[in-house]
């Protein structure tokens, strides 16, 4: 039986759900990628025809190598640089993830893309599409080999940050270049998990609450380490409040960065 969502359970017995992408939306994303790839390959061969009059055999050989490099490397390069997304997946709001919810590794991206040739047999991704229909988590053969899944990214509504951000001074905003790097590196799932942890913090057992926020701090520190003067004296929950403030609030003016005097 196929599942529409993937439930990830943390060691602290906290559950998060991810919406799995179905074969139709994945096929549409592939069509968009195919059009982008075809346009790029056409430009390569047009360039080869224009400059190939002097040494046609040499230019044809180089163009053939570039053709296959682009055809194979497009998915690997875009999914690595855009953290699990190609141009088509961005348009369709899809993302490749590790099947266990862990950080996506380059080896997984390479394996799933190298097996596209098998999934595309005998044409129009018949093998891969059939695997998506038959597997529980809508995985093609490349996903099964790489232990990856493709999830849908819904548009997140603007949360009511007053519930978790009581207007305290955020030392992270003293380092705007690092705040911008954090916004760039953190995925929407990262932001959503951090926000939900703050909103549901009173529902957790004390030990699970401490462990959860420690894990979140460790994760965000790996994404973007802030200098010691910005993190000294911060409890783990305040650290995550600062992270959520950076990820969800719009840019603020320098005047707003001044500490709020106690009432």
Protein backbone atom coordinates (compact mmCIF):
# COMPACT_ATOMS: atom_id res chain seq x y z
CA UNK A 1 0.00 0.00 0.00
CA UNK A 2 1.42 3.36 -1.06
CA UNK A 3 1.76 6.12 1.52
CA UNK A 4 1.09 9.79 0.87
CA UNK A 5 3.24 10.95 3.78
CA UNK A 6 6.47 9.89 5.39
CA UNK A 7 6.55 9.89 9.20
CA UNK A 8 9.99 10.56 10.71
CA UNK A 9 10.44 9.73 14.39
CA UNK A 10 13.34 11.29 16.24
CA UNK A 11 15.14 9.52 19.12
CA UNK A 12 13.19 11.85 21.45
CA UNK A 13 9.93 10.26 20.18
CA UNK A 14 8.97 13.41 18.25
CA UNK A 15 7.17 12.80 14.97
CA UNK A 16 7.34 14.96 11.83
CA UNK A 17 5.48 14.23 8.61
CA UNK A 18 6.59 14.94 5.04
CA UNK A 19 4.27 14.88 2.01
CA UNK A 20 5.57 12.45 -0.63
CA UNK A 21 5.55 13.49 -4.28
CA UNK A 22 3.49 11.32 -6.60
CA UNK A 23 4.35 10.04 -10.09
CA UNK A 24 2.35 12.77 -11.87
CA UNK A 25 4.09 15.76 -10.28
CA UNK A 26 7.47 14.06 -10.66
CA UNK A 27 6.75 13.43 -14.34
CA UNK A 28 5.83 17.09 -14.86
CA UNK A 29 9.06 18.15 -13.15
CA UNK A 30 10.97 15.79 -15.44
CA UNK A 31 9.30 17.31 -18.52
CA UNK A 32 10.43 20.79 -17.44
CA UNK A 33 13.97 19.50 -16.87
CA UNK A 34 13.86 17.76 -20.26
CA UNK A 35 12.96 21.04 -21.98
CA UNK A 36 15.81 22.86 -20.19
CA UNK A 37 18.26 20.09 -21.02
CA UNK A 38 17.14 19.94 -24.66
CA UNK A 39 17.55 23.70 -25.05
CA UNK A 40 21.08 23.49 -23.63
CA UNK A 41 22.04 20.59 -25.90
CA UNK A 42 20.65 22.37 -28.97
CA UNK A 43 22.81 25.39 -28.15
CA UNK A 44 25.87 23.13 -27.82
CA UNK A 45 25.31 21.58 -31.26
CA UNK A 46 24.54 24.92 -32.88
CA UNK A 47 27.81 26.25 -31.51
CA UNK A 48 29.60 23.13 -32.81
CA UNK A 49 28.12 23.66 -36.28
CA UNK A 50 29.18 27.30 -36.32
CA UNK A 51 32.80 26.75 -35.24
CA UNK A 52 33.26 23.25 -36.68
CA UNK A 53 33.97 24.20 -40.28
CA UNK A 54 37.74 24.34 -39.65
CA UNK A 55 38.11 20.93 -37.94
CA UNK A 56 34.71 19.19 -38.12
CA UNK A 57 35.87 15.79 -36.75
CA UNK A 58 37.58 17.30 -33.71
CA UNK A 59 34.69 19.67 -32.93
CA UNK A 60 32.15 16.84 -33.38
CA UNK A 61 34.08 14.66 -30.91
CA UNK A 62 34.28 17.47 -28.34
CA UNK A 63 30.59 18.32 -28.79
CA UNK A 64 29.66 14.66 -28.29
CA UNK A 65 31.64 14.49 -25.03
CA UNK A 66 30.07 17.74 -23.81
CA UNK A 67 26.62 16.42 -24.80
CA UNK A 68 26.96 13.33 -22.61
CA UNK A 69 28.59 15.30 -19.77
CA UNK A 70 25.69 17.76 -19.69
CA UNK A 71 23.09 15.02 -20.04
CA UNK A 72 24.51 13.06 -17.10
CA UNK A 73 25.75 15.98 -15.02
CA UNK A 74 22.66 18.23 -15.13
CA UNK A 75 20.74 16.33 -12.47
CA UNK A 76 23.81 15.69 -10.29
CA UNK A 77 25.00 19.31 -10.39
CA UNK A 78 21.63 20.96 -9.82
CA UNK A 79 20.50 18.60 -7.06
CA UNK A 80 23.81 19.06 -5.24
CA UNK A 81 23.98 22.84 -5.61
CA UNK A 82 20.27 23.39 -4.91
CA UNK A 83 20.05 20.82 -2.09
CA UNK A 84 17.90 18.22 -3.79
CA UNK A 85 16.25 20.30 -6.49
CA UNK A 86 16.54 20.63 -10.25
CA UNK A 87 14.92 23.49 -12.14
CA UNK A 88 11.85 21.34 -12.78
CA UNK A 89 11.60 20.33 -9.14
CA UNK A 90 11.83 23.98 -8.09
CA UNK A 91 8.94 24.88 -10.38
CA UNK A 92 6.85 21.96 -9.10
CA UNK A 93 8.00 22.57 -5.48
CA UNK A 94 9.61 19.14 -5.05
CA UNK A 95 12.82 18.18 -3.27
CA UNK A 96 14.96 15.04 -3.01
CA UNK A 97 15.68 13.93 0.56
CA UNK A 98 17.35 11.06 2.34
CA UNK A 99 14.74 8.38 3.03
CA UNK A 100 15.47 8.56 6.77
CA UNK A 101 15.30 12.35 6.93
CA UNK A 102 19.09 12.68 7.28
CA UNK A 103 21.31 15.09 5.36
CA UNK A 104 21.40 14.27 1.64
CA UNK A 105 24.85 13.06 0.59
CA UNK A 106 26.57 13.60 -2.75
CA UNK A 107 26.91 9.84 -3.25
CA UNK A 108 23.12 9.48 -3.04
CA UNK A 109 22.60 12.20 -5.63
CA UNK A 110 25.15 10.59 -7.95
CA UNK A 111 23.63 7.11 -7.64
CA UNK A 112 20.02 8.18 -8.26
CA UNK A 113 21.02 10.23 -11.31
CA UNK A 114 23.32 7.61 -12.82
CA UNK A 115 20.42 5.15 -12.68
CA UNK A 116 18.13 7.50 -14.62
CA UNK A 117 19.13 5.60 -17.76
CA UNK A 118 17.59 2.40 -16.37
CA UNK A 119 14.50 4.21 -15.05
CA UNK A 120 13.92 5.86 -18.45
CA UNK A 121 13.72 2.52 -20.30
CA UNK A 122 12.16 1.74 -22.71
CA UNK A 123 11.05 5.39 -23.00
CA UNK A 124 9.23 8.18 -21.16
CA UNK A 125 10.41 6.77 -17.81
CA UNK A 126 8.22 3.68 -18.10
CA UNK A 127 10.38 1.63 -15.71
CA UNK A 128 10.79 4.48 -13.23
CA UNK A 129 7.13 5.46 -13.43
CA UNK A 130 6.02 1.87 -12.83
CA UNK A 131 8.35 1.64 -9.82
CA UNK A 132 6.84 4.87 -8.42
CA UNK A 133 3.35 3.39 -8.74
CA UNK A 134 4.29 0.07 -7.16
CA UNK A 135 6.56 1.17 -4.31
CA UNK A 136 5.13 2.32 -1.00
CA UNK A 137 6.96 5.65 -0.97
CA UNK A 138 6.75 6.44 -4.70
CA UNK A 139 10.42 5.63 -5.32
CA UNK A 140 11.91 4.89 -8.72
CA UNK A 141 14.81 2.43 -9.01
CA UNK A 142 17.36 5.21 -8.58
CA UNK A 143 15.67 6.27 -5.34
CA UNK A 144 15.63 2.70 -4.03
CA UNK A 145 19.35 2.26 -4.78
CA UNK A 146 20.29 5.63 -3.25
CA UNK A 147 17.83 5.42 -0.32
CA UNK A 148 16.18 8.72 -1.29
CA UNK A 149 12.64 10.02 -1.55
CA UNK A 150 11.05 13.00 -3.28
CA UNK A 151 8.79 15.19 -1.15
CA UNK A 152 6.42 18.05 -1.90
CA UNK A 153 7.17 21.45 -0.41
CA UNK A 154 3.92 23.22 0.45
CA UNK A 155 3.87 26.98 0.67
CA UNK A 156 4.27 27.79 4.33
CA UNK A 157 1.89 30.41 5.65
CA UNK A 158 3.42 33.22 7.67
CA UNK A 159 3.46 32.02 11.31
CA UNK A 160 2.46 34.15 14.26
CA UNK A 161 5.95 34.71 15.61
CA UNK A 162 4.63 36.53 18.68
CA UNK A 163 4.00 33.10 20.18
CA UNK A 164 7.70 32.23 20.22
CA UNK A 165 9.63 35.49 19.75
CA UNK A 166 8.89 37.87 22.62
CA UNK A 167 10.79 40.83 21.14
CA UNK A 168 14.15 40.03 22.71
CA UNK A 169 17.45 41.24 21.30
CA UNK A 170 18.79 38.84 18.65
CA UNK A 171 22.59 38.80 18.64
CA UNK A 172 22.60 36.90 15.31
CA UNK A 173 21.39 40.02 13.52
CA UNK A 174 24.65 41.75 14.43
CA UNK A 175 26.19 39.51 11.77
CA UNK A 176 24.01 40.08 8.68
CA UNK A 177 26.31 38.13 6.34
CA UNK A 178 26.02 35.04 8.54
CA UNK A 179 22.26 35.53 8.91
CA UNK A 180 21.99 35.65 5.11
CA UNK A 181 24.11 32.49 4.84
CA UNK A 182 21.81 30.75 7.32
CA UNK A 183 18.74 31.71 5.29
CA UNK A 184 20.45 30.37 2.18
CA UNK A 185 21.53 27.04 3.67
CA UNK A 186 18.52 26.18 5.81
CA UNK A 187 15.75 24.33 3.98
CA UNK A 188 12.05 25.05 4.51
CA UNK A 189 11.90 21.77 6.43
CA UNK A 190 14.68 22.98 8.75
CA UNK A 191 12.77 26.20 9.44
CA UNK A 192 9.48 24.37 9.97
CA UNK A 193 11.00 21.85 12.42
CA UNK A 194 12.63 24.62 14.46
CA UNK A 195 9.39 26.60 14.59
CA UNK A 196 7.30 23.57 15.56
CA UNK A 197 9.79 22.67 18.29
CA UNK A 198 9.30 26.12 19.82
CA UNK A 199 5.52 26.05 19.46
CA UNK A 200 5.24 22.56 21.00
CA UNK A 201 8.04 22.82 23.56
CA UNK A 202 5.63 22.59 26.53
CA UNK A 203 4.24 19.31 25.21
CA UNK A 204 7.57 17.48 25.51
CA UNK A 205 8.95 15.63 28.49
CA UNK A 206 11.73 17.69 30.13
CA UNK A 207 14.49 15.28 29.08
CA UNK A 208 13.17 15.00 25.52
CA UNK A 209 12.83 18.78 25.32
CA UNK A 210 16.46 19.32 26.34
CA UNK A 211 17.71 16.65 23.92
CA UNK A 212 15.61 17.95 21.02
CA UNK A 213 16.82 21.54 21.30
CA UNK A 214 20.42 20.36 21.73
CA UNK A 215 20.12 18.39 18.47
CA UNK A 216 18.58 21.38 16.69
CA UNK A 217 21.36 23.70 17.87
CA UNK A 218 23.96 21.19 16.71
CA UNK A 219 22.31 21.00 13.28
CA UNK A 220 22.07 24.76 12.76
CA UNK A 221 25.62 25.28 14.00
CA UNK A 222 26.78 22.89 11.29
CA UNK A 223 24.84 24.87 8.71
CA UNK A 224 26.18 28.28 9.77
CA UNK A 225 28.47 28.78 12.79
CA UNK A 226 28.10 32.18 14.47
CA UNK A 227 31.06 33.71 16.36
CA UNK A 228 31.43 33.16 20.08
CA UNK A 229 30.34 36.70 21.00
CA UNK A 230 26.96 36.05 19.35
CA UNK A 231 26.31 32.77 21.18
CA UNK A 232 27.86 33.27 24.62
CA UNK A 233 25.29 32.78 27.37
CA UNK A 234 22.56 31.57 25.00
CA UNK A 235 20.49 28.63 26.17
CA UNK A 236 19.61 26.13 23.42
CA UNK A 237 16.00 27.31 23.22
CA UNK A 238 17.08 30.94 22.88
CA UNK A 239 19.54 29.88 20.18
CA UNK A 240 16.67 28.32 18.22
CA UNK A 241 14.52 31.42 18.84
CA UNK A 242 17.27 33.48 17.23
CA UNK A 243 17.41 31.06 14.31
CA UNK A 244 13.63 31.19 13.78
CA UNK A 245 13.73 34.98 14.00
CA UNK A 246 16.39 35.10 11.25
CA UNK A 247 14.60 32.57 9.02
CA UNK A 248 11.05 33.91 9.29
CA UNK A 249 11.24 37.64 9.95
CA UNK A 250 11.97 40.09 7.12
CA UNK A 251 15.08 42.23 7.21
CA UNK A 252 15.04 44.81 9.97
CA UNK A 253 16.66 48.21 10.18
CA UNK A 254 19.80 48.81 12.30
CA UNK A 255 17.69 50.73 14.84
CA UNK A 256 15.61 47.63 15.44
CA UNK A 257 18.76 45.69 16.30
CA UNK A 258 19.27 47.74 19.49
CA UNK A 259 18.54 45.83 22.72
CA UNK A 260 15.09 46.29 24.14
CA UNK A 261 15.20 47.97 27.56
CA UNK A 262 13.49 45.94 30.26
CA UNK A 263 10.09 47.19 31.30
